[in-house]
Amino acid sequence: MADEVWTSREVGRIVWETDVNDTSVFAYQAPTGRTVKMYVEGLPGNIENRRVMTGYWLVRTDGPAAGQCSAGLTAVDGTTSYTWGRFEMRWQQRAFPSGWTARMTECFAGPVTTIRAHPYTAD
């Protein structure tokens, strides 16, 4: 069972998979069926003071020819990809449970995509 789960109209279910050092790893399935991982910096252990956070996302690729970016990125968990970008995440509430909105770029800048996520809670 995941620590937290969100739902999003844009991407479906988003799961908090794990923490690696000071970075939390979220995951969701892209329309292509590939897993997108979001690396949220400074989130582990922070359940009561969430505001604006930054991070990066990636989809595992087999090398430069398979990716969209001109340079590779290696994540904190050792995953390397040529399909990645950065994001800024704004939390709706400071404490759990909270939704968030992430503005995501591709590669070094590129177009901005917005994901709005709402907490999934068992009522």
PDB file of N, CA and C in Angstrom:
ATOM      1  N   MET A   1       0.836  -1.179   0.000  1.00  0.00           N
ATOM      2  CA  MET A   1       0.000   0.000   0.000  1.00  0.00           C
ATOM      3  C   MET A   1       0.883   1.246   0.000  1.00  0.00           C
ATOM      4  N   ALA A   2       0.532   2.209  -0.805  1.00  0.00           N
ATOM      5  CA  ALA A   2       1.301   3.446  -0.925  1.00  0.00           C
ATOM      6  C   ALA A   2       1.055   4.359   0.274  1.00  0.00           C
ATOM      7  N   ASP A   3       2.042   5.230   0.561  1.00  0.00           N
ATOM      8  CA  ASP A   3       1.883   6.210   1.633  1.00  0.00           C
ATOM      9  C   ASP A   3       0.704   7.131   1.354  1.00  0.00           C
ATOM     10  N   GLU A   4       0.650   7.653   0.125  1.00  0.00           N
ATOM     11  CA  GLU A   4      -0.449   8.511  -0.301  1.00  0.00           C
ATOM     12  C   GLU A   4      -0.761   8.210  -1.754  1.00  0.00           C
ATOM     13  N   VAL A   5      -2.021   8.448  -2.117  1.00  0.00           N
ATOM     14  CA  VAL A   5      -2.487   8.224  -3.483  1.00  0.00           C
ATOM     15  C   VAL A   5      -3.358   9.413  -3.876  1.00  0.00           C
ATOM     16  N   TRP A   6      -3.230   9.830  -5.131  1.00  0.00           N
ATOM     17  CA  TRP A   6      -4.026  10.922  -5.668  1.00  0.00           C
ATOM     18  C   TRP A   6      -4.677  10.469  -6.958  1.00  0.00           C
ATOM     19  N   THR A   7      -5.736  11.163  -7.338  1.00  0.00           N
ATOM     20  CA  THR A   7      -6.350  10.939  -8.638  1.00  0.00           C
ATOM     21  C   THR A   7      -6.259  12.238  -9.426  1.00  0.00           C
ATOM     22  N   SER A   8      -6.132  12.090 -10.731  1.00  0.00           N
ATOM     23  CA  SER A   8      -5.985  13.249 -11.599  1.00  0.00           C
ATOM     24  C   SER A   8      -6.726  12.999 -12.897  1.00  0.00           C
ATOM     25  N   ARG A   9      -7.482  13.990 -13.345  1.00  0.00           N
ATOM     26  CA  ARG A   9      -8.156  13.889 -14.631  1.00  0.00           C
ATOM     27  C   ARG A   9      -7.147  13.740 -15.768  1.00  0.00           C
ATOM     28  N   GLU A  10      -5.997  14.390 -15.611  1.00  0.00           N
ATOM     29  CA  GLU A  10      -4.996  14.400 -16.674  1.00  0.00           C
ATOM     30  C   GLU A  10      -4.247  13.075 -16.814  1.00  0.00           C
ATOM     31  N   VAL A  11      -3.908  12.411 -15.693  1.00  0.00           N
ATOM     32  CA  VAL A  11      -3.058  11.216 -15.775  1.00  0.00           C
ATOM     33  C   VAL A  11      -3.583  10.001 -15.019  1.00  0.00           C
ATOM     34  N   GLY A  12      -4.693  10.115 -14.327  1.00  0.00           N
ATOM     35  CA  GLY A  12      -5.225   8.973 -13.583  1.00  0.00           C
ATOM     36  C   GLY A  12      -4.674   8.908 -12.169  1.00  0.00           C
ATOM     37  N   ARG A  13      -4.372   7.702 -11.721  1.00  0.00           N
ATOM     38  CA  ARG A  13      -3.916   7.473 -10.351  1.00  0.00           C
ATOM     39  C   ARG A  13      -2.416   7.755 -10.212  1.00  0.00           C
ATOM     40  N   ILE A  14      -2.051   8.492  -9.166  1.00  0.00           N
ATOM     41  CA  ILE A  14      -0.664   8.816  -8.864  1.00  0.00           C
ATOM     42  C   ILE A  14      -0.357   8.251  -7.477  1.00  0.00           C
ATOM     43  N   VAL A  15       0.731   7.506  -7.369  1.00  0.00           N
ATOM     44  CA  VAL A  15       1.071   6.809  -6.133  1.00  0.00           C
ATOM     45  C   VAL A  15       2.410   7.300  -5.592  1.00  0.00           C
ATOM     46  N   TRP A  16       2.459   7.559  -4.297  1.00  0.00           N
ATOM     47  CA  TRP A  16       3.732   7.858  -3.624  1.00  0.00           C
ATOM     48  C   TRP A  16       4.389   6.510  -3.401  1.00  0.00           C
ATOM     49  N   GLU A  17       5.440   6.203  -4.167  1.00  0.00           N
ATOM     50  CA  GLU A  17       6.064   4.876  -4.116  1.00  0.00           C
ATOM     51  C   GLU A  17       7.060   4.701  -2.980  1.00  0.00           C
ATOM     52  N   THR A  18       7.969   5.668  -2.822  1.00  0.00           N
ATOM     53  CA  THR A  18       9.044   5.499  -1.853  1.00  0.00           C
ATOM     54  C   THR A  18       9.749   6.829  -1.624  1.00  0.00           C
ATOM     55  N   ASP A  19      10.664   6.828  -0.680  1.00  0.00           N
ATOM     56  CA  ASP A  19      11.551   7.966  -0.444  1.00  0.00           C
ATOM     57  C   ASP A  19      12.985   7.494  -0.638  1.00  0.00           C
ATOM     58  N   VAL A  20      13.800   8.343  -1.253  1.00  0.00           N
ATOM     59  CA  VAL A  20      15.227   8.089  -1.389  1.00  0.00           C
ATOM     60  C   VAL A  20      15.930   9.341  -0.885  1.00  0.00           C
ATOM     61  N   ASN A  21      16.573   9.219   0.269  1.00  0.00           N
ATOM     62  CA  ASN A  21      17.211  10.360   0.923  1.00  0.00           C
ATOM     63  C   ASN A  21      16.187  11.473   1.124  1.00  0.00           C
ATOM     64  N   ASP A  22      16.414  12.675   0.584  1.00  0.00           N
ATOM     65  CA  ASP A  22      15.489  13.796   0.796  1.00  0.00           C
ATOM     66  C   ASP A  22      14.517  13.983  -0.367  1.00  0.00           C
ATOM     67  N   THR A  23      14.299  12.920  -1.135  1.00  0.00           N
ATOM     68  CA  THR A  23      13.428  12.993  -2.309  1.00  0.00           C
ATOM     69  C   THR A  23      12.356  11.903  -2.243  1.00  0.00           C
ATOM     70  N   SER A  24      11.106  12.287  -2.497  1.00  0.00           N
ATOM     71  CA  SER A  24      10.002  11.327  -2.579  1.00  0.00           C
ATOM     72  C   SER A  24       9.762  10.982  -4.034  1.00  0.00           C
ATOM     73  N   VAL A  25       9.390   9.734  -4.290  1.00  0.00           N
ATOM     74  CA  VAL A  25       9.173   9.263  -5.656  1.00  0.00           C
ATOM     75  C   VAL A  25       7.695   8.927  -5.838  1.00  0.00           C
ATOM     76  N   PHE A  26       7.031   9.661  -6.751  1.00  0.00           N
ATOM     77  CA  PHE A  26       5.650   9.394  -7.135  1.00  0.00           C
ATOM     78  C   PHE A  26       5.681   8.691  -8.495  1.00  0.00           C
ATOM     79  N   ALA A  27       4.616   7.944  -8.812  1.00  0.00           N
ATOM     80  CA  ALA A  27       4.564   7.280 -10.116  1.00  0.00           C
ATOM     81  C   ALA A  27       3.138   7.264 -10.652  1.00  0.00           C
ATOM     82  N   TYR A  28       3.040   7.336 -11.994  1.00  0.00           N
ATOM     83  CA  TYR A  28       1.762   7.166 -12.682  1.00  0.00           C
ATOM     84  C   TYR A  28       2.016   6.589 -14.068  1.00  0.00           C
ATOM     85  N   GLN A  29       0.980   6.064 -14.686  1.00  0.00           N
ATOM     86  CA  GLN A  29       1.089   5.474 -16.023  1.00  0.00           C
ATOM     87  C   GLN A  29       0.768   6.514 -17.085  1.00  0.00           C
ATOM     88  N   ALA A  30       1.672   6.681 -18.041  1.00  0.00           N
ATOM     89  CA  ALA A  30       1.435   7.566 -19.183  1.00  0.00           C
ATOM     90  C   ALA A  30       0.480   6.870 -20.148  1.00  0.00           C
ATOM     91  N   PRO A  31      -0.160   7.608 -21.056  1.00  0.00           N
ATOM     92  CA  PRO A  31      -1.043   6.987 -22.045  1.00  0.00           C
ATOM     93  C   PRO A  31      -0.336   5.916 -22.889  1.00  0.00           C
ATOM     94  N   THR A  32       0.985   6.009 -23.010  1.00  0.00           N
ATOM     95  CA  THR A  32       1.761   5.016 -23.764  1.00  0.00           C
ATOM     96  C   THR A  32       1.936   3.720 -23.002  1.00  0.00           C
ATOM     97  N   GLY A  33       1.545   3.717 -21.712  1.00  0.00           N
ATOM     98  CA  GLY A  33       1.723   2.533 -20.883  1.00  0.00           C
ATOM     99  C   GLY A  33       3.021   2.550 -20.089  1.00  0.00           C
ATOM    100  N   ARG A  34       3.887   3.487 -20.371  1.00  0.00           N
ATOM    101  CA  ARG A  34       5.149   3.594 -19.649  1.00  0.00           C
ATOM    102  C   ARG A  34       4.930   4.318 -18.318  1.00  0.00           C
ATOM    103  N   THR A  35       5.759   4.004 -17.343  1.00  0.00           N
ATOM    104  CA  THR A  35       5.651   4.619 -16.028  1.00  0.00           C
ATOM    105  C   THR A  35       6.415   5.931 -15.979  1.00  0.00           C
ATOM    106  N   VAL A  36       5.733   6.969 -15.523  1.00  0.00           N
ATOM    107  CA  VAL A  36       6.355   8.268 -15.298  1.00  0.00           C
ATOM    108  C   VAL A  36       6.658   8.358 -13.810  1.00  0.00           C
ATOM    109  N   LYS A  37       7.878   8.721 -13.474  1.00  0.00           N
ATOM    110  CA  LYS A  37       8.260   8.902 -12.075  1.00  0.00           C
ATOM    111  C   LYS A  37       8.490  10.378 -11.825  1.00  0.00           C
ATOM    112  N   MET A  38       7.927  10.873 -10.732  1.00  0.00           N
ATOM    113  CA  MET A  38       8.109  12.252 -10.291  1.00  0.00           C
ATOM    114  C   MET A  38       8.960  12.220  -9.027  1.00  0.00           C
ATOM    115  N   TYR A  39      10.037  12.987  -9.025  1.00  0.00           N
ATOM    116  CA  TYR A  39      10.958  13.046  -7.893  1.00  0.00           C
ATOM    117  C   TYR A  39      10.754  14.393  -7.193  1.00  0.00           C
ATOM    118  N   VAL A  40      10.100  14.367  -6.023  1.00  0.00           N
ATOM    119  CA  VAL A  40       9.732  15.575  -5.295  1.00  0.00           C
ATOM    120  C   VAL A  40      10.791  15.834  -4.224  1.00  0.00           C
ATOM    121  N   GLU A  41      11.523  16.927  -4.389  1.00  0.00           N
ATOM    122  CA  GLU A  41      12.625  17.237  -3.488  1.00  0.00           C
ATOM    123  C   GLU A  41      12.114  17.847  -2.181  1.00  0.00           C
ATOM    124  N   GLY A  42      12.615  17.359  -1.041  1.00  0.00           N
ATOM    125  CA  GLY A  42      12.278  17.918   0.264  1.00  0.00           C
ATOM    126  C   GLY A  42      10.964  17.456   0.864  1.00  0.00           C
ATOM    127  N   LEU A  43      10.315  16.457   0.307  1.00  0.00           N
ATOM    128  CA  LEU A  43       9.009  16.023   0.819  1.00  0.00           C
ATOM    129  C   LEU A  43       9.068  14.958   1.911  1.00  0.00           C
ATOM    130  N   PRO A  44      10.020  14.018   1.912  1.00  0.00           N
ATOM    131  CA  PRO A  44       9.985  12.957   2.929  1.00  0.00           C
ATOM    132  C   PRO A  44       9.840  13.495   4.345  1.00  0.00           C
ATOM    133  N   GLY A  45       8.912  12.894   5.077  1.00  0.00           N
ATOM    134  CA  GLY A  45       8.683  13.284   6.466  1.00  0.00           C
ATOM    135  C   GLY A  45       7.907  14.575   6.645  1.00  0.00           C
ATOM    136  N   ASN A  46       7.565  15.246   5.571  1.00  0.00           N
ATOM    137  CA  ASN A  46       6.866  16.524   5.655  1.00  0.00           C
ATOM    138  C   ASN A  46       5.370  16.285   5.438  1.00  0.00           C
ATOM    139  N   ILE A  47       4.640  16.108   6.530  1.00  0.00           N
ATOM    140  CA  ILE A  47       3.201  15.880   6.385  1.00  0.00           C
ATOM    141  C   ILE A  47       2.372  17.063   6.875  1.00  0.00           C
ATOM    142  N   GLU A  48       3.031  18.097   7.426  1.00  0.00           N
ATOM    143  CA  GLU A  48       2.271  19.217   7.977  1.00  0.00           C
ATOM    144  C   GLU A  48       2.688  20.599   7.477  1.00  0.00           C
ATOM    145  N   ASN A  49       3.692  20.695   6.624  1.00  0.00           N
ATOM    146  CA  ASN A  49       4.130  22.013   6.166  1.00  0.00           C
ATOM    147  C   ASN A  49       4.467  21.994   4.672  1.00  0.00           C
ATOM    148  N   ARG A  50       3.549  21.514   3.880  1.00  0.00           N
ATOM    149  CA  ARG A  50       3.742  21.447   2.438  1.00  0.00           C
ATOM    150  C   ARG A  50       3.313  22.766   1.805  1.00  0.00           C
ATOM    151  N   ARG A  51       4.151  23.305   0.963  1.00  0.00           N
ATOM    152  CA  ARG A  51       3.842  24.563   0.286  1.00  0.00           C
ATOM    153  C   ARG A  51       4.150  24.411  -1.187  1.00  0.00           C
ATOM    154  N   VAL A  52       5.227  25.054  -1.632  1.00  0.00           N
ATOM    155  CA  VAL A  52       5.681  24.945  -3.019  1.00  0.00           C
ATOM    156  C   VAL A  52       6.955  24.117  -3.014  1.00  0.00           C
ATOM    157  N   MET A  53       6.981  23.085  -3.844  1.00  0.00           N
ATOM    158  CA  MET A  53       8.147  22.216  -3.941  1.00  0.00           C
ATOM    159  C   MET A  53       8.549  22.080  -5.398  1.00  0.00           C
ATOM    160  N   THR A  54       9.783  21.715  -5.619  1.00  0.00           N
ATOM    161  CA  THR A  54      10.268  21.502  -6.973  1.00  0.00           C
ATOM    162  C   THR A  54      10.773  20.071  -7.105  1.00  0.00           C
ATOM    163  N   GLY A  55      10.976  19.682  -8.339  1.00  0.00           N
ATOM    164  CA  GLY A  55      11.488  18.351  -8.588  1.00  0.00           C
ATOM    165  C   GLY A  55      11.668  18.118 -10.069  1.00  0.00           C
ATOM    166  N   TYR A  56      11.824  16.864 -10.419  1.00  0.00           N
ATOM    167  CA  TYR A  56      11.991  16.471 -11.811  1.00  0.00           C
ATOM    168  C   TYR A  56      11.222  15.182 -12.059  1.00  0.00           C
ATOM    169  N   TRP A  57      10.909  14.941 -13.304  1.00  0.00           N
ATOM    170  CA  TRP A  57      10.184  13.731 -13.691  1.00  0.00           C
ATOM    171  C   TRP A  57      10.981  13.047 -14.787  1.00  0.00           C
ATOM    172  N   LEU A  58      10.743  11.752 -14.959  1.00  0.00           N
ATOM    173  CA  LEU A  58      11.368  11.051 -16.072  1.00  0.00           C
ATOM    174  C   LEU A  58      10.593   9.795 -16.429  1.00  0.00           C
ATOM    175  N   VAL A  59      10.818   9.360 -17.652  1.00  0.00           N
ATOM    176  CA  VAL A  59      10.326   8.080 -18.152  1.00  0.00           C
ATOM    177  C   VAL A  59      11.561   7.317 -18.580  1.00  0.00           C
ATOM    178  N   ARG A  60      11.763   6.134 -18.067  1.00  0.00           N
ATOM    179  CA  ARG A  60      12.966   5.360 -18.397  1.00  0.00           C
ATOM    180  C   ARG A  60      13.049   5.131 -19.901  1.00  0.00           C
ATOM    181  N   THR A  61      14.227   5.406 -20.469  1.00  0.00           N
ATOM    182  CA  THR A  61      14.479   5.170 -21.895  1.00  0.00           C
ATOM    183  C   THR A  61      15.717   4.304 -22.036  1.00  0.00           C
ATOM    184  N   ASP A  62      15.881   3.728 -23.211  1.00  0.00           N
ATOM    185  CA  ASP A  62      16.998   2.822 -23.467  1.00  0.00           C
ATOM    186  C   ASP A  62      18.252   3.536 -23.932  1.00  0.00           C
ATOM    187  N   GLY A  63      18.219   4.826 -24.115  1.00  0.00           N
ATOM    188  CA  GLY A  63      19.405   5.568 -24.539  1.00  0.00           C
ATOM    189  C   GLY A  63      19.015   6.827 -25.271  1.00  0.00           C
ATOM    190  N   PRO A  64      20.009   7.584 -25.718  1.00  0.00           N
ATOM    191  CA  PRO A  64      19.745   8.871 -26.372  1.00  0.00           C
ATOM    192  C   PRO A  64      18.803   8.777 -27.568  1.00  0.00           C
ATOM    193  N   ALA A  65      18.909   7.738 -28.362  1.00  0.00           N
ATOM    194  CA  ALA A  65      18.062   7.625 -29.549  1.00  0.00           C
ATOM    195  C   ALA A  65      16.596   7.438 -29.186  1.00  0.00           C
ATOM    196  N   ALA A  66      16.327   6.877 -28.014  1.00  0.00           N
ATOM    197  CA  ALA A  66      14.947   6.606 -27.597  1.00  0.00           C
ATOM    198  C   ALA A  66      14.333   7.771 -26.834  1.00  0.00           C
ATOM    199  N   GLY A  67      15.117   8.797 -26.509  1.00  0.00           N
ATOM    200  CA  GLY A  67      14.629   9.878 -25.671  1.00  0.00           C
ATOM    201  C   GLY A  67      14.261  11.124 -26.432  1.00  0.00           C
ATOM    202  N   GLN A  68      13.681  12.081 -25.707  1.00  0.00           N
ATOM    203  CA  GLN A  68      13.255  13.347 -26.289  1.00  0.00           C
ATOM    204  C   GLN A  68      14.236  14.478 -26.010  1.00  0.00           C
ATOM    205  N   CYS A  69      15.115  14.319 -25.014  1.00  0.00           N
ATOM    206  CA  CYS A  69      16.024  15.395 -24.609  1.00  0.00           C
ATOM    207  C   CYS A  69      17.424  15.163 -25.177  1.00  0.00           C
ATOM    208  N   SER A  70      18.176  16.233 -25.294  1.00  0.00           N
ATOM    209  CA  SER A  70      19.527  16.127 -25.847  1.00  0.00           C
ATOM    210  C   SER A  70      20.548  15.648 -24.825  1.00  0.00           C
ATOM    211  N   ALA A  71      20.174  15.615 -23.551  1.00  0.00           N
ATOM    212  CA  ALA A  71      21.063  15.160 -22.490  1.00  0.00           C
ATOM    213  C   ALA A  71      20.300  14.201 -21.588  1.00  0.00           C
ATOM    214  N   GLY A  72      21.021  13.276 -20.982  1.00  0.00           N
ATOM    215  CA  GLY A  72      20.405  12.338 -20.064  1.00  0.00           C
ATOM    216  C   GLY A  72      20.353  12.888 -18.651  1.00  0.00           C
ATOM    217  N   LEU A  73      19.448  12.352 -17.845  1.00  0.00           N
ATOM    218  CA  LEU A  73      19.303  12.722 -16.448  1.00  0.00           C
ATOM    219  C   LEU A  73      19.316  11.432 -15.639  1.00  0.00           C
ATOM    220  N   THR A  74      20.103  11.405 -14.571  1.00  0.00           N
ATOM    221  CA  THR A  74      20.114  10.259 -13.667  1.00  0.00           C
ATOM    222  C   THR A  74      19.451  10.682 -12.374  1.00  0.00           C
ATOM    223  N   ALA A  75      18.393   9.971 -12.002  1.00  0.00           N
ATOM    224  CA  ALA A  75      17.616  10.293 -10.802  1.00  0.00           C
ATOM    225  C   ALA A  75      18.319   9.788  -9.550  1.00  0.00           C
ATOM    226  N   VAL A  76      17.838  10.225  -8.410  1.00  0.00           N
ATOM    227  CA  VAL A  76      18.408   9.868  -7.116  1.00  0.00           C
ATOM    228  C   VAL A  76      18.378   8.351  -6.880  1.00  0.00           C
ATOM    229  N   ASP A  77      17.459   7.620  -7.532  1.00  0.00           N
ATOM    230  CA  ASP A  77      17.388   6.159  -7.369  1.00  0.00           C
ATOM    231  C   ASP A  77      18.226   5.417  -8.410  1.00  0.00           C
ATOM    232  N   GLY A  78      18.989   6.153  -9.221  1.00  0.00           N
ATOM    233  CA  GLY A  78      19.869   5.534 -10.214  1.00  0.00           C
ATOM    234  C   GLY A  78      19.269   5.351 -11.588  1.00  0.00           C
ATOM    235  N   THR A  79      17.990   5.652 -11.763  1.00  0.00           N
ATOM    236  CA  THR A  79      17.339   5.540 -13.061  1.00  0.00           C
ATOM    237  C   THR A  79      17.848   6.647 -13.983  1.00  0.00           C
ATOM    238  N   THR A  80      18.243   6.275 -15.215  1.00  0.00           N
ATOM    239  CA  THR A  80      18.713   7.251 -16.195  1.00  0.00           C
ATOM    240  C   THR A  80      17.743   7.310 -17.359  1.00  0.00           C
ATOM    241  N   SER A  81      17.529   8.535 -17.874  1.00  0.00           N
ATOM    242  CA  SER A  81      16.590   8.711 -18.975  1.00  0.00           C
ATOM    243  C   SER A  81      16.965   9.905 -19.829  1.00  0.00           C
ATOM    244  N   TYR A  82      16.547   9.844 -21.096  1.00  0.00           N
ATOM    245  CA  TYR A  82      16.648  10.970 -22.017  1.00  0.00           C
ATOM    246  C   TYR A  82      15.263  11.574 -22.276  1.00  0.00           C
ATOM    247  N   THR A  83      14.267  11.161 -21.491  1.00  0.00           N
ATOM    248  CA  THR A  83      12.930  11.749 -21.522  1.00  0.00           C
ATOM    249  C   THR A  83      12.619  12.198 -20.096  1.00  0.00           C
ATOM    250  N   TRP A  84      12.746  13.516 -19.866  1.00  0.00           N
ATOM    251  CA  TRP A  84      12.618  14.048 -18.524  1.00  0.00           C
ATOM    252  C   TRP A  84      12.279  15.533 -18.577  1.00  0.00           C
ATOM    253  N   GLY A  85      12.042  16.092 -17.403  1.00  0.00           N
ATOM    254  CA  GLY A  85      11.770  17.522 -17.279  1.00  0.00           C
ATOM    255  C   GLY A  85      11.734  17.914 -15.827  1.00  0.00           C
ATOM    256  N   ARG A  86      11.422  19.172 -15.572  1.00  0.00           N
ATOM    257  CA  ARG A  86      11.335  19.695 -14.213  1.00  0.00           C
ATOM    258  C   ARG A  86       9.879  20.048 -13.905  1.00  0.00           C
ATOM    259  N   PHE A  87       9.578  20.247 -12.627  1.00  0.00           N
ATOM    260  CA  PHE A  87       8.237  20.710 -12.260  1.00  0.00           C
ATOM    261  C   PHE A  87       8.288  21.537 -10.995  1.00  0.00           C
ATOM    262  N   GLU A  88       7.237  22.355 -10.844  1.00  0.00           N
ATOM    263  CA  GLU A  88       6.967  23.082  -9.613  1.00  0.00           C
ATOM    264  C   GLU A  88       5.616  22.596  -9.115  1.00  0.00           C
ATOM    265  N   MET A  89       5.560  22.179  -7.870  1.00  0.00           N
ATOM    266  CA  MET A  89       4.352  21.606  -7.273  1.00  0.00           C
ATOM    267  C   MET A  89       3.839  22.540  -6.184  1.00  0.00           C
ATOM    268  N   ARG A  90       2.564  22.932  -6.293  1.00  0.00           N
ATOM    269  CA  ARG A  90       1.926  23.774  -5.271  1.00  0.00           C
ATOM    270  C   ARG A  90       0.855  22.947  -4.571  1.00  0.00           C
ATOM    271  N   TRP A  91       0.999  22.833  -3.253  1.00  0.00           N
ATOM    272  CA  TRP A  91       0.039  22.079  -2.454  1.00  0.00           C
ATOM    273  C   TRP A  91      -1.159  22.956  -2.115  1.00  0.00           C
ATOM    274  N   GLN A  92      -2.357  22.356  -2.089  1.00  0.00           N
ATOM    275  CA  GLN A  92      -3.581  23.097  -1.778  1.00  0.00           C
ATOM    276  C   GLN A  92      -3.724  23.342  -0.277  1.00  0.00           C
ATOM    277  N   GLN A  93      -3.254  22.406   0.516  1.00  0.00           N
ATOM    278  CA  GLN A  93      -3.278  22.508   1.978  1.00  0.00           C
ATOM    279  C   GLN A  93      -1.871  22.190   2.480  1.00  0.00           C
ATOM    280  N   ARG A  94      -1.530  22.702   3.636  1.00  0.00           N
ATOM    281  CA  ARG A  94      -0.191  22.419   4.168  1.00  0.00           C
ATOM    282  C   ARG A  94      -0.060  21.003   4.722  1.00  0.00           C
ATOM    283  N   ALA A  95      -1.157  20.423   5.189  1.00  0.00           N
ATOM    284  CA  ALA A  95      -1.082  19.129   5.854  1.00  0.00           C
ATOM    285  C   ALA A  95      -1.808  18.046   5.065  1.00  0.00           C
ATOM    286  N   PHE A  96      -1.444  16.813   5.339  1.00  0.00           N
ATOM    287  CA  PHE A  96      -2.102  15.641   4.773  1.00  0.00           C
ATOM    288  C   PHE A  96      -3.546  15.605   5.255  1.00  0.00           C
ATOM    289  N   PRO A  97      -4.509  15.211   4.444  1.00  0.00           N
ATOM    290  CA  PRO A  97      -4.409  14.932   3.010  1.00  0.00           C
ATOM    291  C   PRO A  97      -4.551  16.228   2.204  1.00  0.00           C
ATOM    292  N   SER A  98      -3.801  16.328   1.165  1.00  0.00           N
ATOM    293  CA  SER A  98      -3.858  17.534   0.349  1.00  0.00           C
ATOM    294  C   SER A  98      -3.682  17.207  -1.121  1.00  0.00           C
ATOM    295  N   GLY A  99      -4.376  17.965  -1.943  1.00  0.00           N
ATOM    296  CA  GLY A  99      -4.157  17.889  -3.374  1.00  0.00           C
ATOM    297  C   GLY A  99      -3.021  18.817  -3.759  1.00  0.00           C
ATOM    298  N   TRP A 100      -2.639  18.768  -5.009  1.00  0.00           N
ATOM    299  CA  TRP A 100      -1.563  19.621  -5.503  1.00  0.00           C
ATOM    300  C   TRP A 100      -1.720  19.845  -6.998  1.00  0.00           C
ATOM    301  N   THR A 101      -1.029  20.874  -7.480  1.00  0.00           N
ATOM    302  CA  THR A 101      -0.975  21.181  -8.905  1.00  0.00           C
ATOM    303  C   THR A 101       0.495  21.272  -9.280  1.00  0.00           C
ATOM    304  N   ALA A 102       0.873  20.568 -10.340  1.00  0.00           N
ATOM    305  CA  ALA A 102       2.262  20.599 -10.811  1.00  0.00           C
ATOM    306  C   ALA A 102       2.301  21.157 -12.224  1.00  0.00           C
ATOM    307  N   ARG A 103       3.200  22.117 -12.437  1.00  0.00           N
ATOM    308  CA  ARG A 103       3.464  22.662 -13.776  1.00  0.00           C
ATOM    309  C   ARG A 103       4.759  22.028 -14.247  1.00  0.00           C
ATOM    310  N   MET A 104       4.656  21.204 -15.287  1.00  0.00           N
ATOM    311  CA  MET A 104       5.773  20.379 -15.737  1.00  0.00           C
ATOM    312  C   MET A 104       6.313  20.842 -17.081  1.00  0.00           C
ATOM    313  N   THR A 105       7.642  20.903 -17.176  1.00  0.00           N
ATOM    314  CA  THR A 105       8.298  21.234 -18.434  1.00  0.00           C
ATOM    315  C   THR A 105       8.912  19.965 -19.029  1.00  0.00           C
ATOM    316  N   GLU A 106       9.330  20.063 -20.280  1.00  0.00           N
ATOM    317  CA  GLU A 106      10.033  18.959 -20.934  1.00  0.00           C
ATOM    318  C   GLU A 106      11.481  19.361 -21.139  1.00  0.00           C
ATOM    319  N   CYS A 107      12.390  18.444 -20.903  1.00  0.00           N
ATOM    320  CA  CYS A 107      13.830  18.677 -21.049  1.00  0.00           C
ATOM    321  C   CYS A 107      14.233  19.893 -20.225  1.00  0.00           C
ATOM    322  N   PHE A 108      14.979  20.798 -20.807  1.00  0.00           N
ATOM    323  CA  PHE A 108      15.481  21.954 -20.070  1.00  0.00           C
ATOM    324  C   PHE A 108      14.419  23.027 -19.863  1.00  0.00           C
ATOM    325  N   ALA A 109      13.448  23.118 -20.706  1.00  0.00           N
ATOM    326  CA  ALA A 109      12.365  24.092 -20.552  1.00  0.00           C
ATOM    327  C   ALA A 109      11.144  23.540 -21.262  1.00  0.00           C
ATOM    328  N   GLY A 110      10.994  23.843 -22.544  1.00  0.00           N
ATOM    329  CA  GLY A 110       9.904  23.264 -23.327  1.00  0.00           C
ATOM    330  C   GLY A 110       8.532  23.696 -22.875  1.00  0.00           C
ATOM    331  N   PRO A 111       7.516  23.104 -23.474  1.00  0.00           N
ATOM    332  CA  PRO A 111       6.130  23.456 -23.142  1.00  0.00           C
ATOM    333  C   PRO A 111       5.785  23.053 -21.708  1.00  0.00           C
ATOM    334  N   VAL A 112       4.803  23.733 -21.171  1.00  0.00           N
ATOM    335  CA  VAL A 112       4.353  23.461 -19.808  1.00  0.00           C
ATOM    336  C   VAL A 112       3.062  22.648 -19.850  1.00  0.00           C
ATOM    337  N   THR A 113       3.041  21.568 -19.077  1.00  0.00           N
ATOM    338  CA  THR A 113       1.856  20.744 -18.902  1.00  0.00           C
ATOM    339  C   THR A 113       1.445  20.862 -17.437  1.00  0.00           C
ATOM    340  N   THR A 114       0.154  20.925 -17.175  1.00  0.00           N
ATOM    341  CA  THR A 114      -0.320  21.037 -15.797  1.00  0.00           C
ATOM    342  C   THR A 114      -1.047  19.764 -15.390  1.00  0.00           C
ATOM    343  N   ILE A 115      -0.712  19.281 -14.209  1.00  0.00           N
ATOM    344  CA  ILE A 115      -1.400  18.135 -13.613  1.00  0.00           C
ATOM    345  C   ILE A 115      -2.025  18.608 -12.310  1.00  0.00           C
ATOM    346  N   ARG A 116      -3.311  18.336 -12.144  1.00  0.00           N
ATOM    347  CA  ARG A 116      -4.022  18.646 -10.904  1.00  0.00           C
ATOM    348  C   ARG A 116      -4.372  17.318 -10.239  1.00  0.00           C
ATOM    349  N   ALA A 117      -3.932  17.143  -9.013  1.00  0.00           N
ATOM    350  CA  ALA A 117      -4.155  15.877  -8.312  1.00  0.00           C
ATOM    351  C   ALA A 117      -4.946  16.108  -7.036  1.00  0.00           C
ATOM    352  N   HIS A 118      -5.880  15.229  -6.792  1.00  0.00           N
ATOM    353  CA  HIS A 118      -6.745  15.304  -5.618  1.00  0.00           C
ATOM    354  C   HIS A 118      -6.504  14.077  -4.737  1.00  0.00           C
ATOM    355  N   PRO A 119      -6.413  14.245  -3.423  1.00  0.00           N
ATOM    356  CA  PRO A 119      -6.124  13.108  -2.570  1.00  0.00           C
ATOM    357  C   PRO A 119      -7.210  12.047  -2.650  1.00  0.00           C
ATOM    358  N   TYR A 120      -6.772  10.798  -2.683  1.00  0.00           N
ATOM    359  CA  TYR A 120      -7.695   9.676  -2.644  1.00  0.00           C
ATOM    360  C   TYR A 120      -7.755   9.231  -1.193  1.00  0.00           C
ATOM    361  N   THR A 121      -8.909   9.334  -0.603  1.00  0.00           N
ATOM    362  CA  THR A 121      -9.082   8.908   0.787  1.00  0.00           C
ATOM    363  C   THR A 121     -10.260   7.961   0.869  1.00  0.00           C
ATOM    364  N   ALA A 122     -10.136   6.984   1.745  1.00  0.00           N
ATOM    365  CA  ALA A 122     -11.234   6.048   1.956  1.00  0.00           C
ATOM    366  C   ALA A 122     -12.223   6.679   2.924  1.00  0.00           C
ATOM    367  N   ASP A 123     -13.411   6.952   2.428  1.00  0.00           N
ATOM    368  CA  ASP A 123     -14.430   7.580   3.282  1.00  0.00           C
ATOM    369  C   ASP A 123     -15.401   6.564   3.808  1.00  0.00           C
TER     370      ASP A 123
END
